[in-house]
C-alpha atoms as a PDB file:
ATOM      1  CA  MET A   1     -21.716  11.025  28.251  1.00  0.00           C
ATOM      2  CA  SER A   2     -20.582  10.436  31.936  1.00  0.00           C
ATOM      3  CA  VAL A   3     -17.482  11.533  33.399  1.00  0.00           C
ATOM      4  CA  SER A   4     -17.102   7.874  34.916  1.00  0.00           C
ATOM      5  CA  LEU A   5     -17.460   6.495  31.410  1.00  0.00           C
ATOM      6  CA  LEU A   6     -14.750   8.872  30.166  1.00  0.00           C
ATOM      7  CA  LEU A   7     -12.699   8.074  32.957  1.00  0.00           C
ATOM      8  CA  THR A   8     -13.039   4.291  32.511  1.00  0.00           C
ATOM      9  CA  LEU A   9     -11.875   4.732  29.080  1.00  0.00           C
ATOM     10  CA  PHE A  10      -8.793   7.151  29.690  1.00  0.00           C
ATOM     11  CA  LEU A  11      -7.689   4.383  32.564  1.00  0.00           C
ATOM     12  CA  GLY A  12      -8.230   1.781  30.264  1.00  0.00           C
ATOM     13  CA  ALA A  13      -5.884   2.922  27.623  1.00  0.00           C
ATOM     14  CA  PHE A  14      -3.546   4.070  30.354  1.00  0.00           C
ATOM     15  CA  LEU A  15      -3.298   0.460  31.538  1.00  0.00           C
ATOM     16  CA  ASP A  16      -3.268  -1.245  28.640  1.00  0.00           C
ATOM     17  CA  ALA A  17       0.136   0.266  28.048  1.00  0.00           C
ATOM     18  CA  THR A  18       1.533   0.019  31.735  1.00  0.00           C
ATOM     19  CA  LEU A  19       3.896  -2.573  32.605  1.00  0.00           C
ATOM     20  CA  GLY A  20       2.161  -5.111  34.987  1.00  0.00           C
ATOM     21  CA  PHE A  21      -1.064  -3.838  34.241  1.00  0.00           C
ATOM     22  CA  CYS A  22      -1.220  -4.397  30.615  1.00  0.00           C
ATOM     23  CA  PHE A  23      -1.288  -8.552  30.925  1.00  0.00           C
ATOM     24  CA  PHE A  24      -4.764  -7.989  32.303  1.00  0.00           C
ATOM     25  CA  VAL A  25      -6.168  -4.738  30.706  1.00  0.00           C
ATOM     26  CA  PHE A  26      -6.939  -5.345  26.902  1.00  0.00           C
ATOM     27  CA  GLY A  27      -7.216  -1.657  25.576  1.00  0.00           C
ATOM     28  CA  GLU A  28      -8.683  -2.708  22.127  1.00  0.00           C
ATOM     29  CA  ALA A  29     -12.111  -3.033  23.934  1.00  0.00           C
ATOM     30  CA  PHE A  30     -11.812   0.403  25.137  1.00  0.00           C
ATOM     31  CA  PHE A  31     -10.466   1.879  21.910  1.00  0.00           C
ATOM     32  CA  LEU A  32     -13.523  -0.051  19.649  1.00  0.00           C
ATOM     33  CA  MET A  33     -15.986   1.128  22.389  1.00  0.00           C
ATOM     34  CA  ALA A  34     -14.723   4.848  21.814  1.00  0.00           C
ATOM     35  CA  GLY A  35     -15.625   4.248  18.075  1.00  0.00           C
ATOM     36  CA  GLY A  36     -18.699   3.076  18.797  1.00  0.00           C
ATOM     37  CA  LEU A  37     -19.526   5.969  21.094  1.00  0.00           C
ATOM     38  CA  LEU A  38     -18.075   8.084  18.137  1.00  0.00           C
ATOM     39  CA  PHE A  39     -20.462   7.035  15.874  1.00  0.00           C
ATOM     40  CA  THR A  40     -23.609   6.977  18.059  1.00  0.00           C
ATOM     41  CA  GLU A  41     -22.961   9.734  20.330  1.00  0.00           C
ATOM     42  CA  HIS A  42     -20.058  12.045  18.083  1.00  0.00           C
ATOM     43  CA  ALA A  43     -18.433  11.411  21.283  1.00  0.00           C
ATOM     44  CA  LEU A  44     -14.982  13.138  20.620  1.00  0.00           C
ATOM     45  CA  TRP A  45     -14.311  13.200  23.960  1.00  0.00           C
ATOM     46  CA  ALA A  46     -14.360   9.495  24.050  1.00  0.00           C
ATOM     47  CA  VAL A  47     -11.652   9.221  21.205  1.00  0.00           C
ATOM     48  CA  ALA A  48      -9.542  12.061  23.258  1.00  0.00           C
ATOM     49  CA  ALA A  49      -9.919  10.055  26.553  1.00  0.00           C
ATOM     50  CA  VAL A  50      -8.445   6.779  24.820  1.00  0.00           C
ATOM     51  CA  LEU A  51      -5.651   8.722  23.041  1.00  0.00           C
ATOM     52  CA  ALA A  52      -5.010  10.605  26.315  1.00  0.00           C
ATOM     53  CA  GLY A  53      -4.769   7.747  28.146  1.00  0.00           C
ATOM     54  CA  ALA A  54      -2.598   5.704  25.879  1.00  0.00           C
ATOM     55  CA  TYR A  55       0.175   8.844  25.259  1.00  0.00           C
ATOM     56  CA  ALA A  56       0.394   9.050  28.977  1.00  0.00           C
ATOM     57  CA  ALA A  57       1.096   5.369  29.677  1.00  0.00           C
ATOM     58  CA  ASP A  58       3.836   6.010  27.314  1.00  0.00           C
ATOM     59  CA  GLN A  59       5.197   9.059  28.939  1.00  0.00           C
ATOM     60  CA  THR A  60       4.874   7.361  32.124  1.00  0.00           C
ATOM     61  CA  GLY A  61       6.800   4.256  30.936  1.00  0.00           C
ATOM     62  CA  PHE A  62       9.712   6.652  29.689  1.00  0.00           C
ATOM     63  CA  PHE A  63      10.013   8.240  32.806  1.00  0.00           C
ATOM     64  CA  ILE A  64      10.205   5.393  34.806  1.00  0.00           C
ATOM     65  CA  GLY A  65      12.673   3.848  32.649  1.00  0.00           C
ATOM     66  CA  ARG A  66      14.653   6.844  33.201  1.00  0.00           C
ATOM     67  CA  GLN A  67      14.639   6.826  36.827  1.00  0.00           C
ATOM     68  CA  MET A  68      15.775   2.990  36.761  1.00  0.00           C
ATOM     69  CA  ARG A  69      18.404   3.602  34.143  1.00  0.00           C
ATOM     70  CA  PRO A  70      21.376   2.675  37.313  1.00  0.00           C
ATOM     71  CA  TRP A  71      19.487  -0.613  37.905  1.00  0.00           C
ATOM     72  CA  PHE A  72      18.845  -1.549  34.275  1.00  0.00           C
ATOM     73  CA  HIS A  73      22.681  -0.888  33.490  1.00  0.00           C
ATOM     74  CA  ARG A  74      23.702  -2.836  36.529  1.00  0.00           C
ATOM     75  CA  PHE A  75      21.177  -5.738  34.812  1.00  0.00           C
ATOM     76  CA  VAL A  76      22.461  -5.313  31.349  1.00  0.00           C
ATOM     77  CA  LEU A  77      26.003  -5.033  32.035  1.00  0.00           C
ATOM     78  CA  ALA A  78      26.355  -8.040  33.989  1.00  0.00           C
ATOM     79  CA  ARG A  79      26.086 -10.543  30.894  1.00  0.00           C
ATOM     80  CA  ARG A  80      27.830 -10.082  27.364  1.00  0.00           C
ATOM     81  CA  SER A  81      25.123 -11.387  25.674  1.00  0.00           C
ATOM     82  CA  ARG A  82      23.016  -8.595  27.326  1.00  0.00           C
ATOM     83  CA  ARG A  83      25.548  -5.867  26.507  1.00  0.00           C
ATOM     84  CA  ALA A  84      25.130  -7.025  22.784  1.00  0.00           C
ATOM     85  CA  VAL A  85      21.505  -6.326  22.943  1.00  0.00           C
ATOM     86  CA  LEU A  86      21.800  -2.930  24.556  1.00  0.00           C
ATOM     87  CA  HIS A  87      24.612  -1.759  22.097  1.00  0.00           C
ATOM     88  CA  LYS A  88      21.784  -2.840  19.211  1.00  0.00           C
ATOM     89  CA  THR A  89      19.021  -1.045  20.667  1.00  0.00           C
ATOM     90  CA  ARG A  90      21.216   1.996  21.212  1.00  0.00           C
ATOM     91  CA  ARG A  91      21.822   1.952  17.317  1.00  0.00           C
ATOM     92  CA  LEU A  92      18.503   1.514  16.463  1.00  0.00           C
ATOM     93  CA  LEU A  93      17.174   4.302  18.444  1.00  0.00           C
ATOM     94  CA  GLY A  94      20.191   6.675  17.332  1.00  0.00           C
ATOM     95  CA  ARG A  95      19.360   6.145  13.943  1.00  0.00           C
ATOM     96  CA  HIS A  96      15.563   5.409  13.785  1.00  0.00           C
ATOM     97  CA  GLY A  97      14.227   6.473  17.119  1.00  0.00           C
ATOM     98  CA  ILE A  98      11.001   8.294  16.044  1.00  0.00           C
ATOM     99  CA  LYS A  99      10.214   5.296  13.696  1.00  0.00           C
ATOM    100  CA  ALA A 100      10.963   2.702  16.128  1.00  0.00           C
ATOM    101  CA  VAL A 101       8.666   4.184  19.045  1.00  0.00           C
ATOM    102  CA  ALA A 102       5.777   4.406  16.646  1.00  0.00           C
ATOM    103  CA  ALA A 103       6.192   0.866  15.124  1.00  0.00           C
ATOM    104  CA  SER A 104       6.354  -0.301  18.422  1.00  0.00           C
ATOM    105  CA  ARG A 105       2.795   0.863  19.303  1.00  0.00           C
ATOM    106  CA  LEU A 106       1.968  -1.381  16.553  1.00  0.00           C
ATOM    107  CA  LEU A 107       3.667  -4.531  17.740  1.00  0.00           C
ATOM    108  CA  GLY A 108       1.709  -5.416  20.574  1.00  0.00           C
ATOM    109  CA  PRO A 109       3.568  -6.346  23.642  1.00  0.00           C
ATOM    110  CA  VAL A 110       6.668  -4.603  22.278  1.00  0.00           C
ATOM    111  CA  ALA A 111       4.592  -1.297  22.975  1.00  0.00           C
ATOM    112  CA  TRP A 112       4.634  -2.317  26.590  1.00  0.00           C
ATOM    113  CA  PHE A 113       8.187  -2.468  27.083  1.00  0.00           C
ATOM    114  CA  MET A 114       9.391   0.136  24.474  1.00  0.00           C
ATOM    115  CA  PRO A 115       8.897   3.193  26.759  1.00  0.00           C
ATOM    116  CA  PRO A 116      10.866   1.884  29.800  1.00  0.00           C
ATOM    117  CA  VAL A 117      13.584   0.838  27.351  1.00  0.00           C
ATOM    118  CA  CYS A 118      13.989   4.205  25.664  1.00  0.00           C
ATOM    119  CA  GLY A 119      14.127   6.073  29.108  1.00  0.00           C
ATOM    120  CA  SER A 120      16.759   3.506  30.504  1.00  0.00           C
ATOM    121  CA  THR A 121      18.782   3.836  27.328  1.00  0.00           C
ATOM    122  CA  GLY A 122      18.914   7.454  27.350  1.00  0.00           C
ATOM    123  CA  MET A 123      16.789   8.336  24.225  1.00  0.00           C
ATOM    124  CA  ALA A 124      15.755  12.145  24.075  1.00  0.00           C
ATOM    125  CA  TRP A 125      12.383  12.856  25.574  1.00  0.00           C
ATOM    126  CA  PRO A 126      11.530  15.035  22.440  1.00  0.00           C
ATOM    127  CA  ARG A 127      12.079  12.386  19.834  1.00  0.00           C
ATOM    128  CA  PHE A 128      10.621   9.725  22.301  1.00  0.00           C
ATOM    129  CA  ALA A 129       7.423  11.984  22.666  1.00  0.00           C
ATOM    130  CA  ALA A 130       7.210  12.907  18.864  1.00  0.00           C
ATOM    131  CA  GLY A 131       7.391   8.851  18.436  1.00  0.00           C
ATOM    132  CA  SER A 132       4.736   8.198  20.830  1.00  0.00           C
ATOM    133  CA  ALA A 133       2.182  10.536  19.432  1.00  0.00           C
ATOM    134  CA  ILE A 134       2.594   9.145  15.814  1.00  0.00           C
ATOM    135  CA  GLY A 135       2.326   5.407  17.237  1.00  0.00           C
ATOM    136  CA  VAL A 136      -0.477   5.940  19.445  1.00  0.00           C
ATOM    137  CA  THR A 137      -2.490   8.205  16.869  1.00  0.00           C
ATOM    138  CA  LEU A 138      -2.055   5.217  14.794  1.00  0.00           C
ATOM    139  CA  GLY A 139      -2.348   2.221  16.696  1.00  0.00           C
ATOM    140  CA  VAL A 140      -5.230   3.632  18.842  1.00  0.00           C
ATOM    141  CA  GLY A 141      -6.766   5.230  15.972  1.00  0.00           C
ATOM    142  CA  MET A 142      -7.132   2.029  13.785  1.00  0.00           C
ATOM    143  CA  PHE A 143      -9.260   0.323  16.480  1.00  0.00           C
ATOM    144  CA  VAL A 144     -11.444   3.751  17.394  1.00  0.00           C
ATOM    145  CA  ALA A 145     -12.047   3.518  13.544  1.00  0.00           C
ATOM    146  CA  LEU A 146     -12.501  -0.245  13.650  1.00  0.00           C
ATOM    147  CA  GLY A 147     -15.528   0.561  16.320  1.00  0.00           C
ATOM    148  CA  TYR A 148     -16.949   3.370  14.488  1.00  0.00           C
ATOM    149  CA  LEU A 149     -17.025   0.883  11.327  1.00  0.00           C
ATOM    150  CA  ILE A 150     -18.566  -1.875  13.388  1.00  0.00           C
ATOM    151  CA  ALA A 151     -21.062   0.794  14.825  1.00  0.00           C
ATOM    152  CA  TRP A 152     -21.931   2.126  11.171  1.00  0.00           C
ATOM    153  CA  GLY A 153     -22.447  -1.512  10.051  1.00  0.00           C
ATOM    154  CA  ALA A 154     -24.894  -2.365  12.586  1.00  0.00           C
ATOM    155  CA  ALA A 155     -26.841   0.504  12.151  1.00  0.00           C
ATOM    156  CA  ARG A 156     -27.318  -0.191   8.611  1.00  0.00           C
ATOM    157  CA  GLY A 157     -28.874  -3.297   9.515  1.00  0.00           C
ATOM    158  CA  ASP A 158     -32.112  -2.830  11.855  1.00  0.00           C
ATOM    159  CA  VAL A 159     -30.178  -2.468  15.171  1.00  0.00           C
ATOM    160  CA  ASP A 160     -30.295   0.703  17.101  1.00  0.00           C
ATOM    161  CA  VAL A 161     -26.715   0.679  17.819  1.00  0.00           C
ATOM    162  CA  GLU A 162     -27.004   3.944  20.018  1.00  0.00           C
ATOM    163  CA  ALA A 163     -29.551   2.305  22.755  1.00  0.00           C
ATOM    164  CA  TYR A 164     -27.610  -1.110  22.533  1.00  0.00           C
ATOM    165  CA  ILE A 165     -24.463   0.547  23.451  1.00  0.00           C
ATOM    166  CA  ARG A 166     -26.085   3.164  26.058  1.00  0.00           C
ATOM    167  CA  ALA A 167     -27.894  -0.005  27.477  1.00  0.00           C
ATOM    168  CA  HIS A 168     -24.394  -2.479  27.512  1.00  0.00           C
ATOM    169  CA  LYS A 169     -21.831  -0.274  27.752  1.00  0.00           C
ATOM    170  CA  TRP A 170     -20.039  -1.944  30.764  1.00  0.00           C
ATOM    171  CA  ALA A 171     -21.182  -5.238  29.595  1.00  0.00           C
ATOM    172  CA  LEU A 172     -19.629  -4.733  26.035  1.00  0.00           C
ATOM    173  CA  LEU A 173     -16.038  -3.472  28.260  1.00  0.00           C
ATOM    174  CA  ALA A 174     -16.041  -6.087  30.415  1.00  0.00           C
ATOM    175  CA  GLY A 175     -16.881  -8.978  27.704  1.00  0.00           C
ATOM    176  CA  GLY A 176     -14.269  -7.438  25.369  1.00  0.00           C
ATOM    177  CA  GLN A 177     -11.761  -7.815  28.177  1.00  0.00           C
ATOM    178  CA  ALA A 178     -12.647 -11.662  28.787  1.00  0.00           C
ATOM    179  CA  VAL A 179     -12.902 -11.990  24.922  1.00  0.00           C
ATOM    180  CA  PHE A 180      -9.153 -10.832  24.738  1.00  0.00           C
ATOM    181  CA  ILE A 181      -7.727 -12.474  28.165  1.00  0.00           C
ATOM    182  CA  LEU A 182      -9.179 -16.022  26.254  1.00  0.00           C
ATOM    183  CA  MET A 183      -7.505 -15.224  23.096  1.00  0.00           C
ATOM    184  CA  GLY A 184      -4.507 -14.601  24.913  1.00  0.00           C
ATOM    185  CA  VAL A 185      -4.553 -17.824  27.056  1.00  0.00           C
ATOM    186  CA  ILE A 186      -5.523 -19.790  23.690  1.00  0.00           C
ATOM    187  CA  SER A 187      -2.426 -17.887  21.894  1.00  0.00           C
ATOM    188  CA  HIS A 188      -0.131 -19.072  24.630  1.00  0.00           C
ATOM    189  CA  TYR A 189      -0.979 -22.840  24.536  1.00  0.00           C
ATOM    190  CA  VAL A 190      -1.064 -22.745  20.663  1.00  0.00           C
ATOM    191  CA  GLY A 191       2.270 -20.801  20.666  1.00  0.00           C
ATOM    192  CA  ASN A 192       3.459 -23.394  23.145  1.00  0.00           C
ATOM    193  CA  ALA A 193       2.711 -26.336  21.239  1.00  0.00           C
ATOM    194  CA  LEU A 194       3.945 -25.257  18.111  1.00  0.00           C
ATOM    195  CA  PHE A 195       7.261 -24.150  19.460  1.00  0.00           C
ATOM    196  CA  ARG A 196       7.622 -27.917  20.987  1.00  0.00           C
ATOM    197  CA  ARG A 197       7.181 -29.424  17.629  1.00  0.00           C
ATOM    198  CA  VAL A 198      10.205 -26.986  16.391  1.00  0.00           C
END
């Protein structure tokens, strides 16, 4: 396994959970690839790369939120409705902090915003780090397991999965990104059409 592939898997998982980049980079393709590589090459490093990338992104988001705390408070305190949301968020994180952070990793776009929100609302870092570790293990682990099962299923047929992944790994990653972007665009338009009827 090449260092460039490991770095790509790490960066894909990192950018998937980083605000701004998360709208264009979809980690699922990288997680599925890591699972396929785990089956074909027993590449534990591939799994470690995506787990480390996702966890590092969460910690980075938390510390960015902590640094932006004064700006965040000015923004939130400017309106009464935002103040109410801040109080509810603090109450949720106070009561269910670790569980809330872990569950956010399973809720798609919520995972993008949870780390900076936790940092800016004053959640203790050890609690956030524990919740993030659980959430990353579950959220990323599901897709890695799915990638492993897909490769296993293909190998049960007449497909040489190892050769296929080795020959087409970059195309699979690019194709995965294209599929997830297309799904996002379709979901956006379908969602808008449904909400117009409500």
